[in-house]
N, C-alpha and C. Protein backbone atom coordinates (compact mmCIF):
# COMPACT_ATOMS: atom_id res chain seq x y z
N MET A 1 -29.10 109.05 152.40
CA MET A 1 -28.47 107.93 151.73
C MET A 1 -28.96 106.64 152.36
N VAL A 2 -29.32 105.69 151.50
CA VAL A 2 -29.58 104.33 151.94
C VAL A 2 -28.32 103.54 151.60
N LEU A 3 -27.76 102.87 152.60
CA LEU A 3 -26.47 102.19 152.46
C LEU A 3 -26.60 100.76 152.94
N THR A 4 -26.20 99.82 152.08
CA THR A 4 -26.31 98.41 152.45
C THR A 4 -25.03 97.64 152.14
N HIS A 5 -25.02 96.43 152.57
CA HIS A 5 -23.83 95.59 152.67
C HIS A 5 -23.67 94.61 151.50
N GLY A 6 -22.54 93.92 151.54
CA GLY A 6 -22.26 92.87 150.57
C GLY A 6 -22.81 91.53 151.00
N ALA A 7 -22.56 90.51 150.19
CA ALA A 7 -23.12 89.18 150.41
C ALA A 7 -22.69 88.52 151.71
N GLY A 8 -21.49 88.81 152.16
CA GLY A 8 -20.99 88.14 153.36
C GLY A 8 -21.00 89.00 154.60
N SER A 9 -21.82 90.04 154.62
CA SER A 9 -21.71 91.01 155.69
C SER A 9 -23.09 91.44 156.18
N THR A 10 -23.07 92.50 157.00
CA THR A 10 -24.29 93.12 157.51
C THR A 10 -24.10 94.64 157.47
N CYS A 11 -25.12 95.35 157.88
CA CYS A 11 -25.03 96.81 157.92
C CYS A 11 -24.11 97.29 159.03
N GLU A 12 -23.61 96.38 159.84
CA GLU A 12 -22.65 96.72 160.91
C GLU A 12 -21.21 96.60 160.44
N ALA A 13 -20.99 96.35 159.17
CA ALA A 13 -19.64 96.21 158.64
C ALA A 13 -18.85 97.50 158.87
N PRO A 14 -17.58 97.38 159.26
CA PRO A 14 -16.77 98.58 159.50
C PRO A 14 -16.73 99.53 158.30
N LEU A 15 -16.69 99.00 157.08
CA LEU A 15 -16.70 99.86 155.90
C LEU A 15 -17.96 100.70 155.85
N LEU A 16 -19.11 100.09 156.08
CA LEU A 16 -20.36 100.83 156.04
C LEU A 16 -20.45 101.87 157.15
N ILE A 17 -19.95 101.51 158.32
CA ILE A 17 -19.96 102.47 159.43
C ILE A 17 -19.08 103.67 159.08
N ALA A 18 -17.90 103.42 158.51
CA ALA A 18 -17.00 104.52 158.14
C ALA A 18 -17.61 105.40 157.05
N VAL A 19 -18.21 104.79 156.03
CA VAL A 19 -18.83 105.56 154.96
C VAL A 19 -20.00 106.37 155.50
N ALA A 20 -20.84 105.73 156.31
CA ALA A 20 -21.98 106.44 156.88
C ALA A 20 -21.53 107.61 157.75
N SER A 21 -20.50 107.40 158.55
CA SER A 21 -20.00 108.48 159.40
C SER A 21 -19.50 109.65 158.58
N ALA A 22 -18.77 109.36 157.50
CA ALA A 22 -18.25 110.44 156.65
C ALA A 22 -19.39 111.23 156.03
N PHE A 23 -20.43 110.55 155.58
CA PHE A 23 -21.55 111.27 154.97
C PHE A 23 -22.37 112.01 156.03
N CYS A 24 -22.54 111.43 157.20
CA CYS A 24 -23.24 112.14 158.29
C CYS A 24 -22.49 113.40 158.68
N ASP A 25 -21.17 113.31 158.75
CA ASP A 25 -20.36 114.49 159.07
C ASP A 25 -20.52 115.58 158.02
N ALA A 26 -20.88 115.19 156.80
CA ALA A 26 -21.07 116.16 155.72
C ALA A 26 -22.52 116.64 155.64
N GLY A 27 -23.35 116.22 156.59
CA GLY A 27 -24.72 116.71 156.64
C GLY A 27 -25.77 115.78 156.05
N TYR A 28 -25.37 114.62 155.59
CA TYR A 28 -26.32 113.65 155.06
C TYR A 28 -27.00 112.90 156.19
N THR A 29 -28.22 112.44 155.94
CA THR A 29 -28.88 111.47 156.79
C THR A 29 -28.65 110.12 156.13
N VAL A 30 -28.12 109.15 156.88
CA VAL A 30 -27.77 107.86 156.31
C VAL A 30 -28.53 106.75 157.04
N LEU A 31 -29.18 105.92 156.25
CA LEU A 31 -29.87 104.74 156.76
C LEU A 31 -29.07 103.52 156.32
N ARG A 32 -28.35 102.90 157.28
CA ARG A 32 -27.68 101.63 157.00
C ARG A 32 -28.70 100.54 157.27
N CYS A 33 -28.83 99.60 156.34
CA CYS A 33 -29.84 98.56 156.54
C CYS A 33 -29.35 97.21 156.02
N ASP A 34 -29.87 96.17 156.66
CA ASP A 34 -29.62 94.81 156.20
C ASP A 34 -30.62 94.47 155.10
N LEU A 35 -30.13 93.81 154.08
CA LEU A 35 -31.00 93.34 153.01
C LEU A 35 -31.88 92.20 153.52
N PRO A 36 -33.02 91.97 152.88
CA PRO A 36 -33.91 90.90 153.35
C PRO A 36 -33.25 89.52 153.49
N PHE A 37 -32.31 89.17 152.58
CA PHE A 37 -31.68 87.86 152.73
C PHE A 37 -30.96 87.74 154.07
N ARG A 38 -30.33 88.83 154.51
CA ARG A 38 -29.60 88.81 155.78
C ARG A 38 -30.58 88.84 156.95
N GLN A 39 -31.69 89.50 156.79
CA GLN A 39 -32.70 89.52 157.85
C GLN A 39 -33.29 88.12 158.05
N ARG A 40 -33.40 87.35 156.96
CA ARG A 40 -33.92 85.98 157.06
C ARG A 40 -32.90 85.01 157.64
N ARG A 41 -31.62 85.22 157.26
CA ARG A 41 -30.56 84.29 157.66
C ARG A 41 -29.37 85.09 158.17
N PRO A 42 -28.98 84.90 159.42
CA PRO A 42 -27.87 85.70 159.96
C PRO A 42 -26.51 85.37 159.33
N THR A 43 -26.38 84.22 158.70
CA THR A 43 -25.13 83.86 158.03
C THR A 43 -25.45 83.25 156.66
N GLY A 44 -24.43 83.15 155.86
CA GLY A 44 -24.59 82.54 154.54
C GLY A 44 -24.83 83.57 153.46
N PRO A 45 -24.61 83.13 152.23
CA PRO A 45 -24.75 84.06 151.10
C PRO A 45 -26.20 84.24 150.68
N PRO A 46 -26.46 85.26 149.86
CA PRO A 46 -27.81 85.44 149.34
C PRO A 46 -28.15 84.32 148.34
N VAL A 47 -29.42 84.08 148.16
CA VAL A 47 -29.90 83.08 147.20
C VAL A 47 -30.37 83.84 145.97
N PRO A 48 -29.78 83.55 144.79
CA PRO A 48 -30.14 84.31 143.59
C PRO A 48 -31.65 84.35 143.31
N ALA A 49 -32.36 83.29 143.62
CA ALA A 49 -33.80 83.25 143.35
C ALA A 49 -34.57 84.30 144.16
N PHE A 50 -33.96 84.81 145.22
CA PHE A 50 -34.65 85.77 146.08
C PHE A 50 -34.08 87.19 145.95
N ALA A 51 -33.27 87.43 144.92
CA ALA A 51 -32.65 88.75 144.73
C ALA A 51 -33.71 89.84 144.56
N ALA A 52 -34.83 89.52 143.94
CA ALA A 52 -35.89 90.51 143.77
C ALA A 52 -36.40 91.01 145.14
N ALA A 53 -36.42 90.13 146.12
CA ALA A 53 -36.84 90.53 147.47
C ALA A 53 -35.83 91.50 148.07
N ASP A 54 -34.54 91.31 147.76
CA ASP A 54 -33.53 92.25 148.25
C ASP A 54 -33.72 93.63 147.61
N ARG A 55 -34.05 93.65 146.33
CA ARG A 55 -34.33 94.95 145.67
C ARG A 55 -35.59 95.59 146.25
N GLU A 56 -36.56 94.78 146.55
CA GLU A 56 -37.78 95.33 147.18
C GLU A 56 -37.45 95.89 148.56
N GLY A 57 -36.55 95.25 149.28
CA GLY A 57 -36.11 95.76 150.57
C GLY A 57 -35.43 97.11 150.43
N LEU A 58 -34.62 97.27 149.39
CA LEU A 58 -33.99 98.57 149.12
C LEU A 58 -35.04 99.62 148.79
N ARG A 59 -36.02 99.25 147.98
CA ARG A 59 -37.09 100.20 147.63
C ARG A 59 -37.84 100.63 148.90
N ALA A 60 -38.08 99.68 149.81
CA ALA A 60 -38.77 100.00 151.06
C ALA A 60 -37.90 100.90 151.94
N ALA A 61 -36.60 100.67 151.95
CA ALA A 61 -35.69 101.52 152.74
C ALA A 61 -35.69 102.95 152.21
N VAL A 62 -35.70 103.11 150.90
CA VAL A 62 -35.77 104.45 150.30
C VAL A 62 -37.08 105.12 150.70
N ALA A 63 -38.18 104.38 150.63
CA ALA A 63 -39.48 104.94 151.01
C ALA A 63 -39.48 105.35 152.49
N ALA A 64 -38.89 104.53 153.34
CA ALA A 64 -38.82 104.86 154.77
C ALA A 64 -38.00 106.12 154.99
N LEU A 65 -36.87 106.24 154.29
CA LEU A 65 -36.03 107.42 154.45
C LEU A 65 -36.74 108.67 153.93
N ARG A 66 -37.49 108.52 152.84
CA ARG A 66 -38.27 109.66 152.32
C ARG A 66 -39.29 110.15 153.33
N GLY A 67 -39.76 109.25 154.19
CA GLY A 67 -40.70 109.64 155.23
C GLY A 67 -40.05 110.40 156.37
N ILE A 68 -38.72 110.39 156.39
CA ILE A 68 -37.98 111.05 157.47
C ILE A 68 -37.35 112.37 157.02
N VAL A 69 -36.81 112.39 155.80
CA VAL A 69 -36.10 113.57 155.30
C VAL A 69 -36.63 113.98 153.93
N ALA A 70 -36.45 115.24 153.63
CA ALA A 70 -36.80 115.75 152.30
C ALA A 70 -35.51 115.80 151.48
N GLY A 71 -35.67 115.89 150.19
CA GLY A 71 -34.50 116.04 149.33
C GLY A 71 -34.12 114.76 148.62
N PRO A 72 -33.11 114.85 147.79
CA PRO A 72 -32.68 113.69 147.00
C PRO A 72 -32.06 112.60 147.87
N ILE A 73 -32.24 111.39 147.43
CA ILE A 73 -31.69 110.24 148.15
C ILE A 73 -30.69 109.52 147.26
N VAL A 74 -29.56 109.18 147.84
CA VAL A 74 -28.54 108.39 147.16
C VAL A 74 -28.71 106.95 147.61
N LEU A 75 -28.70 106.04 146.66
CA LEU A 75 -28.79 104.61 146.94
C LEU A 75 -27.38 104.05 146.83
N SER A 76 -26.94 103.36 147.88
CA SER A 76 -25.54 102.92 147.93
C SER A 76 -25.43 101.53 148.50
N GLY A 77 -24.42 100.81 148.02
CA GLY A 77 -24.17 99.49 148.56
C GLY A 77 -22.78 99.01 148.23
N HIS A 78 -22.31 98.09 149.06
CA HIS A 78 -21.03 97.44 148.86
C HIS A 78 -21.28 96.11 148.15
N SER A 79 -20.57 95.86 147.07
CA SER A 79 -20.59 94.60 146.34
C SER A 79 -22.02 94.18 145.99
N TYR A 80 -22.49 93.08 146.55
CA TYR A 80 -23.84 92.58 146.25
C TYR A 80 -24.90 93.66 146.52
N GLY A 81 -24.75 94.40 147.59
CA GLY A 81 -25.72 95.46 147.89
C GLY A 81 -25.73 96.53 146.81
N GLY A 82 -24.55 96.88 146.30
CA GLY A 82 -24.47 97.83 145.20
C GLY A 82 -25.04 97.28 143.91
N ARG A 83 -24.79 96.00 143.68
CA ARG A 83 -25.36 95.38 142.47
C ARG A 83 -26.88 95.43 142.51
N GLN A 84 -27.46 95.08 143.65
CA GLN A 84 -28.92 95.12 143.77
C GLN A 84 -29.44 96.55 143.66
N ALA A 85 -28.71 97.50 144.23
CA ALA A 85 -29.11 98.91 144.10
C ALA A 85 -29.09 99.35 142.65
N SER A 86 -28.06 98.94 141.91
CA SER A 86 -27.98 99.35 140.50
C SER A 86 -29.05 98.67 139.66
N LEU A 87 -29.36 97.42 139.95
CA LEU A 87 -30.45 96.74 139.23
C LEU A 87 -31.78 97.43 139.50
N LEU A 88 -32.02 97.80 140.75
CA LEU A 88 -33.25 98.52 141.10
C LEU A 88 -33.31 99.85 140.36
N ALA A 89 -32.20 100.59 140.35
CA ALA A 89 -32.17 101.89 139.68
C ALA A 89 -32.33 101.76 138.16
N ALA A 90 -31.84 100.68 137.59
CA ALA A 90 -32.02 100.46 136.15
C ALA A 90 -33.49 100.22 135.82
N ASP A 91 -34.18 99.51 136.71
CA ASP A 91 -35.60 99.22 136.49
C ASP A 91 -36.51 100.35 136.93
N GLN A 92 -36.09 101.12 137.90
CA GLN A 92 -36.90 102.22 138.45
C GLN A 92 -36.00 103.44 138.64
N PRO A 93 -35.71 104.17 137.55
CA PRO A 93 -34.76 105.28 137.61
C PRO A 93 -35.09 106.37 138.62
N ASP A 94 -36.35 106.53 138.98
CA ASP A 94 -36.72 107.59 139.92
C ASP A 94 -36.61 107.15 141.38
N VAL A 95 -36.09 105.95 141.63
CA VAL A 95 -35.97 105.47 143.01
C VAL A 95 -34.98 106.32 143.81
N ALA A 96 -34.01 106.89 143.14
CA ALA A 96 -32.99 107.68 143.84
C ALA A 96 -32.43 108.74 142.91
N ALA A 97 -31.70 109.68 143.51
CA ALA A 97 -31.06 110.73 142.73
C ALA A 97 -29.73 110.27 142.15
N GLY A 98 -29.17 109.20 142.70
CA GLY A 98 -27.90 108.70 142.21
C GLY A 98 -27.48 107.46 142.96
N LEU A 99 -26.39 106.86 142.48
CA LEU A 99 -25.86 105.63 143.05
C LEU A 99 -24.42 105.83 143.51
N LEU A 100 -24.09 105.26 144.65
CA LEU A 100 -22.71 105.12 145.11
C LEU A 100 -22.46 103.62 145.21
N LEU A 101 -21.59 103.10 144.35
CA LEU A 101 -21.34 101.67 144.27
C LEU A 101 -19.92 101.37 144.75
N LEU A 102 -19.84 100.72 145.89
CA LEU A 102 -18.56 100.38 146.52
C LEU A 102 -18.18 98.96 146.10
N SER A 103 -17.07 98.82 145.40
CA SER A 103 -16.61 97.50 144.94
C SER A 103 -17.68 96.76 144.15
N TYR A 104 -18.16 97.41 143.10
CA TYR A 104 -19.18 96.74 142.28
C TYR A 104 -18.61 95.42 141.75
N PRO A 105 -19.34 94.30 141.92
CA PRO A 105 -18.83 93.00 141.48
C PRO A 105 -19.08 92.78 139.98
N LEU A 106 -18.14 93.21 139.17
CA LEU A 106 -18.31 93.12 137.71
C LEU A 106 -18.49 91.68 137.24
N HIS A 107 -17.84 90.75 137.91
CA HIS A 107 -17.94 89.33 137.59
C HIS A 107 -17.43 88.55 138.79
N PRO A 108 -17.75 87.24 138.88
CA PRO A 108 -17.17 86.44 139.97
C PRO A 108 -15.65 86.37 139.80
N PRO A 109 -14.90 86.19 140.89
CA PRO A 109 -13.44 86.08 140.77
C PRO A 109 -13.04 84.97 139.79
N LYS A 110 -12.08 85.29 138.94
CA LYS A 110 -11.53 84.37 137.95
C LYS A 110 -12.55 83.92 136.90
N LYS A 111 -13.66 84.65 136.77
CA LYS A 111 -14.68 84.32 135.77
C LYS A 111 -15.10 85.58 135.02
N PRO A 112 -14.16 86.25 134.34
CA PRO A 112 -14.48 87.53 133.69
C PRO A 112 -15.53 87.41 132.59
N GLU A 113 -15.77 86.20 132.11
CA GLU A 113 -16.79 86.02 131.08
C GLU A 113 -18.21 86.12 131.65
N GLN A 114 -18.37 86.04 132.97
CA GLN A 114 -19.68 86.12 133.60
C GLN A 114 -19.97 87.54 134.05
N ARG A 115 -20.12 88.43 133.09
CA ARG A 115 -20.34 89.86 133.37
C ARG A 115 -21.67 90.09 134.07
N ARG A 116 -21.65 91.07 134.96
CA ARG A 116 -22.86 91.50 135.69
C ARG A 116 -23.17 92.95 135.33
N THR A 117 -23.14 93.23 134.05
CA THR A 117 -23.28 94.62 133.59
C THR A 117 -24.36 94.81 132.53
N ASP A 118 -25.18 93.81 132.27
CA ASP A 118 -26.19 93.92 131.22
C ASP A 118 -27.13 95.10 131.44
N HIS A 119 -27.36 95.47 132.68
CA HIS A 119 -28.30 96.56 132.99
C HIS A 119 -27.65 97.94 132.94
N PHE A 120 -26.34 98.03 132.81
CA PHE A 120 -25.66 99.32 132.83
C PHE A 120 -26.20 100.32 131.80
N PRO A 121 -26.55 99.91 130.58
CA PRO A 121 -27.08 100.90 129.62
C PRO A 121 -28.40 101.54 130.07
N ARG A 122 -29.09 100.94 131.04
CA ARG A 122 -30.35 101.49 131.53
C ARG A 122 -30.17 102.39 132.76
N LEU A 123 -28.93 102.58 133.20
CA LEU A 123 -28.67 103.46 134.34
C LEU A 123 -28.61 104.91 133.84
N VAL A 124 -29.64 105.67 134.15
CA VAL A 124 -29.72 107.04 133.65
C VAL A 124 -29.48 108.08 134.73
N LEU A 125 -29.19 107.65 135.94
CA LEU A 125 -28.92 108.57 137.03
C LEU A 125 -27.41 108.63 137.28
N PRO A 126 -26.92 109.64 137.98
CA PRO A 126 -25.48 109.74 138.25
C PRO A 126 -24.97 108.55 139.07
N VAL A 127 -23.78 108.09 138.71
CA VAL A 127 -23.17 106.94 139.38
C VAL A 127 -21.75 107.30 139.80
N VAL A 128 -21.41 106.94 141.04
CA VAL A 128 -20.04 107.05 141.53
C VAL A 128 -19.60 105.64 141.94
N PHE A 129 -18.50 105.18 141.36
CA PHE A 129 -17.91 103.90 141.72
C PHE A 129 -16.70 104.15 142.61
N VAL A 130 -16.53 103.31 143.64
CA VAL A 130 -15.31 103.27 144.42
C VAL A 130 -14.79 101.84 144.27
N HIS A 131 -13.58 101.71 143.74
CA HIS A 131 -13.10 100.38 143.36
C HIS A 131 -11.63 100.22 143.70
N GLY A 132 -11.28 99.11 144.30
CA GLY A 132 -9.90 98.82 144.65
C GLY A 132 -9.09 98.37 143.45
N THR A 133 -7.84 98.76 143.42
CA THR A 133 -6.98 98.39 142.30
C THR A 133 -6.59 96.91 142.35
N ALA A 134 -6.86 96.22 143.46
CA ALA A 134 -6.57 94.79 143.58
C ALA A 134 -7.85 93.98 143.78
N ASP A 135 -8.95 94.43 143.20
CA ASP A 135 -10.25 93.77 143.37
C ASP A 135 -10.35 92.56 142.44
N ALA A 136 -10.56 91.38 143.02
CA ALA A 136 -10.67 90.14 142.24
C ALA A 136 -11.98 90.04 141.47
N PHE A 137 -12.95 90.91 141.78
CA PHE A 137 -14.25 90.90 141.10
C PHE A 137 -14.24 91.82 139.88
N GLY A 138 -13.09 92.33 139.52
CA GLY A 138 -12.96 93.17 138.34
C GLY A 138 -11.82 94.15 138.50
N THR A 139 -11.05 94.30 137.44
CA THR A 139 -9.93 95.24 137.45
C THR A 139 -10.45 96.65 137.19
N ILE A 140 -9.60 97.61 137.43
CA ILE A 140 -9.95 99.00 137.11
C ILE A 140 -10.20 99.13 135.61
N GLU A 141 -9.40 98.45 134.79
CA GLU A 141 -9.60 98.51 133.34
C GLU A 141 -10.95 97.92 132.95
N GLU A 142 -11.34 96.82 133.59
CA GLU A 142 -12.66 96.23 133.32
C GLU A 142 -13.77 97.18 133.75
N LEU A 143 -13.58 97.85 134.88
CA LEU A 143 -14.58 98.80 135.36
C LEU A 143 -14.70 99.97 134.38
N ARG A 144 -13.58 100.50 133.92
CA ARG A 144 -13.63 101.60 132.97
C ARG A 144 -14.36 101.20 131.69
N ALA A 145 -14.10 99.99 131.20
CA ALA A 145 -14.78 99.51 129.99
C ALA A 145 -16.28 99.35 130.24
N ALA A 146 -16.64 98.78 131.39
CA ALA A 146 -18.05 98.61 131.72
C ALA A 146 -18.75 99.95 131.91
N ALA A 147 -18.03 100.92 132.48
CA ALA A 147 -18.61 102.25 132.72
C ALA A 147 -19.01 102.93 131.41
N GLU A 148 -18.36 102.56 130.32
CA GLU A 148 -18.73 103.13 129.03
C GLU A 148 -20.13 102.72 128.58
N LEU A 149 -20.69 101.69 129.19
CA LEU A 149 -22.05 101.25 128.88
C LEU A 149 -23.10 102.18 129.49
N ILE A 150 -22.72 102.94 130.50
CA ILE A 150 -23.65 103.80 131.22
C ILE A 150 -23.79 105.11 130.44
N PRO A 151 -25.04 105.51 130.10
CA PRO A 151 -25.24 106.70 129.26
C PRO A 151 -24.60 107.98 129.78
N THR A 152 -24.71 108.25 131.07
CA THR A 152 -24.06 109.42 131.65
C THR A 152 -22.76 108.94 132.27
N PRO A 153 -21.62 109.42 131.80
CA PRO A 153 -20.35 108.89 132.30
C PRO A 153 -20.26 108.96 133.82
N PRO A 154 -19.97 107.83 134.46
CA PRO A 154 -19.86 107.82 135.92
C PRO A 154 -18.52 108.35 136.39
N THR A 155 -18.45 108.59 137.68
CA THR A 155 -17.20 108.95 138.33
C THR A 155 -16.60 107.67 138.92
N ILE A 156 -15.31 107.47 138.70
CA ILE A 156 -14.62 106.30 139.26
C ILE A 156 -13.54 106.80 140.21
N ILE A 157 -13.62 106.34 141.45
CA ILE A 157 -12.62 106.65 142.46
C ILE A 157 -11.87 105.36 142.76
N MET A 158 -10.56 105.38 142.53
CA MET A 158 -9.74 104.19 142.77
C MET A 158 -9.22 104.20 144.21
N ALA A 159 -9.24 103.02 144.81
CA ALA A 159 -8.65 102.82 146.13
C ALA A 159 -7.37 102.01 145.91
N ASP A 160 -6.25 102.69 145.94
CA ASP A 160 -4.97 102.08 145.62
C ASP A 160 -4.65 100.90 146.55
N LYS A 161 -4.34 99.78 145.95
CA LYS A 161 -3.93 98.54 146.63
C LYS A 161 -5.06 97.88 147.42
N ALA A 162 -6.27 98.37 147.32
CA ALA A 162 -7.39 97.78 148.05
C ALA A 162 -7.99 96.64 147.25
N GLY A 163 -8.40 95.60 147.96
CA GLY A 163 -9.12 94.49 147.36
C GLY A 163 -10.61 94.76 147.38
N HIS A 164 -11.38 93.70 147.19
CA HIS A 164 -12.83 93.83 147.11
C HIS A 164 -13.44 94.35 148.42
N ASP A 165 -12.80 94.02 149.53
CA ASP A 165 -13.33 94.46 150.83
C ASP A 165 -12.98 95.91 151.13
N LEU A 166 -12.14 96.52 150.31
CA LEU A 166 -11.67 97.90 150.48
C LEU A 166 -10.95 98.12 151.81
N LYS A 167 -10.45 97.06 152.43
CA LYS A 167 -9.75 97.20 153.71
C LYS A 167 -8.30 97.61 153.53
N ARG A 168 -7.61 96.96 152.61
CA ARG A 168 -6.20 97.28 152.41
C ARG A 168 -6.12 98.50 151.49
N GLY A 169 -5.08 99.21 151.60
CA GLY A 169 -4.92 100.38 150.75
C GLY A 169 -5.49 101.62 151.41
N ARG A 170 -5.62 102.66 150.63
CA ARG A 170 -6.10 103.93 151.17
C ARG A 170 -7.42 104.31 150.51
N ILE A 171 -8.36 104.66 151.34
CA ILE A 171 -9.66 105.11 150.86
C ILE A 171 -9.85 106.53 151.38
N ASP A 172 -10.05 107.44 150.46
CA ASP A 172 -10.25 108.84 150.81
C ASP A 172 -11.75 109.10 150.92
N LEU A 173 -12.27 108.98 152.14
CA LEU A 173 -13.71 109.16 152.34
C LEU A 173 -14.17 110.56 151.98
N ALA A 174 -13.35 111.56 152.24
CA ALA A 174 -13.72 112.93 151.90
C ALA A 174 -13.89 113.07 150.39
N ALA A 175 -13.03 112.44 149.62
CA ALA A 175 -13.15 112.50 148.16
C ALA A 175 -14.42 111.81 147.68
N ILE A 176 -14.81 110.74 148.37
CA ILE A 176 -16.05 110.05 148.00
C ILE A 176 -17.25 110.94 148.29
N VAL A 177 -17.27 111.55 149.46
CA VAL A 177 -18.36 112.47 149.81
C VAL A 177 -18.42 113.61 148.80
N ASP A 178 -17.28 114.19 148.47
CA ASP A 178 -17.24 115.30 147.51
C ASP A 178 -17.76 114.87 146.14
N ALA A 179 -17.36 113.68 145.69
CA ALA A 179 -17.79 113.20 144.37
C ALA A 179 -19.29 112.96 144.33
N VAL A 180 -19.81 112.33 145.37
CA VAL A 180 -21.26 112.08 145.42
C VAL A 180 -22.01 113.40 145.48
N THR A 181 -21.57 114.30 146.33
CA THR A 181 -22.24 115.60 146.46
C THR A 181 -22.23 116.35 145.12
N ALA A 182 -21.10 116.35 144.44
CA ALA A 182 -21.00 117.04 143.14
C ALA A 182 -21.90 116.38 142.09
N ARG A 183 -21.93 115.05 142.05
CA ARG A 183 -22.72 114.35 141.04
C ARG A 183 -24.21 114.44 141.30
N MET A 184 -24.62 114.54 142.55
CA MET A 184 -26.04 114.54 142.88
C MET A 184 -26.63 115.94 142.97
N ALA A 185 -25.80 116.96 142.81
CA ALA A 185 -26.30 118.34 142.90
C ALA A 185 -27.31 118.59 141.78
N PRO A 186 -28.38 119.30 142.10
CA PRO A 186 -29.39 119.57 141.07
C PRO A 186 -28.87 120.48 139.97
């Protein structure tokens, strides 16, 4: 698994460490990595004009992991990292065996008209979403509606009472590992 962070974080985020640990305990090899925008600037948000470089960084991370392990690779990210992973997978479906999207940012907070789902109909690989029921970047109902755009129905795992950071509420890491493993099985 290649696992990356959101716009305001790094690969050292507690959420990413917990997710990586759960998958490692299940026998996965996990590469947590910082996106190129974070490698260039230790603080601050990503710059939209350079998003393609972040996707290229993900592609390079997948290639690096392929040089270490055999077998299918899951591309995963929290928020912005998941968005970039999904955009990469929409453009290059063979980049990974599936996607794990943690708190996918369906739209900016309080701006539901600014959807970030135009590429969803091009996602042809298995997708697992983990989404908080109190996420300001999209409600569970909005996620379910957007998921209908994806040709192969995705799996949605709700984190009760969790916001976009997935800190509050309960997150069942074992259920996430089980869902990804089931969806990515050949």
